[in-house]
Amino acid sequence: MDTSNINDFLVGYLEGVQYVDPEIKVVTSYVGSFEDVSKCMEMTTQLYNQGAQVVYAPASQSILGAVTAAQKSDKYLIACDQDLYAELKDSDPELAANVISSSLKNVGESIYTSVTGWSEGTMSLDQDYILGLDSGQWVWQRMKTIQNLFLRTSRNLLTRQNRRL
């Protein structure tokens, strides 16, 4: 969905990518629905076919299409709003294997922080507050998949270096 709250995810993702490597190309697309699993799978597959190695999908229920495309393409997915790896690791480990992380909004925590801040006088109702990673309101889940990816990548780099020697 091309909406302001979804575009907030995009802005954060773009800033993170640029921080890591300004040369990385980011391609975007919108499914247009939070429930259309097959369209999300088709669009995610198109992104992978265009060269994407990782897709970040704030896609609600349609994320099931994205994770299926990731598994079929042997590429990676960052999920959103749910710990997709934890949800799939026991019931469908083959799908879980391609989920490298999830971004989680701790809405309950932000409400608690706001109410506590207001009641203690450190926050007011007439001011906006930005609650980011440093405040604990957002959490990046670190998955076993990403640990395995880093180990495999490191092993491949060491193998290439040994061949050069």
Foldseek 3Di string as FASTA:
>chain_A
DPDPVVVVVVVVVLVVVCVVPVPDDDDDDDLPALAPQQSLLVVLLVVVVVPDQEEEDARHNNCNSNLVNCLVSVGAYEYEQDFVLVVACPPPVSSSLRYAKYKHFQVVVVVVVQVVCVVVVNDDPVDDDDQDVVNVRIDIDGDVNNVVVVVVVVVVVVVVVVVVD
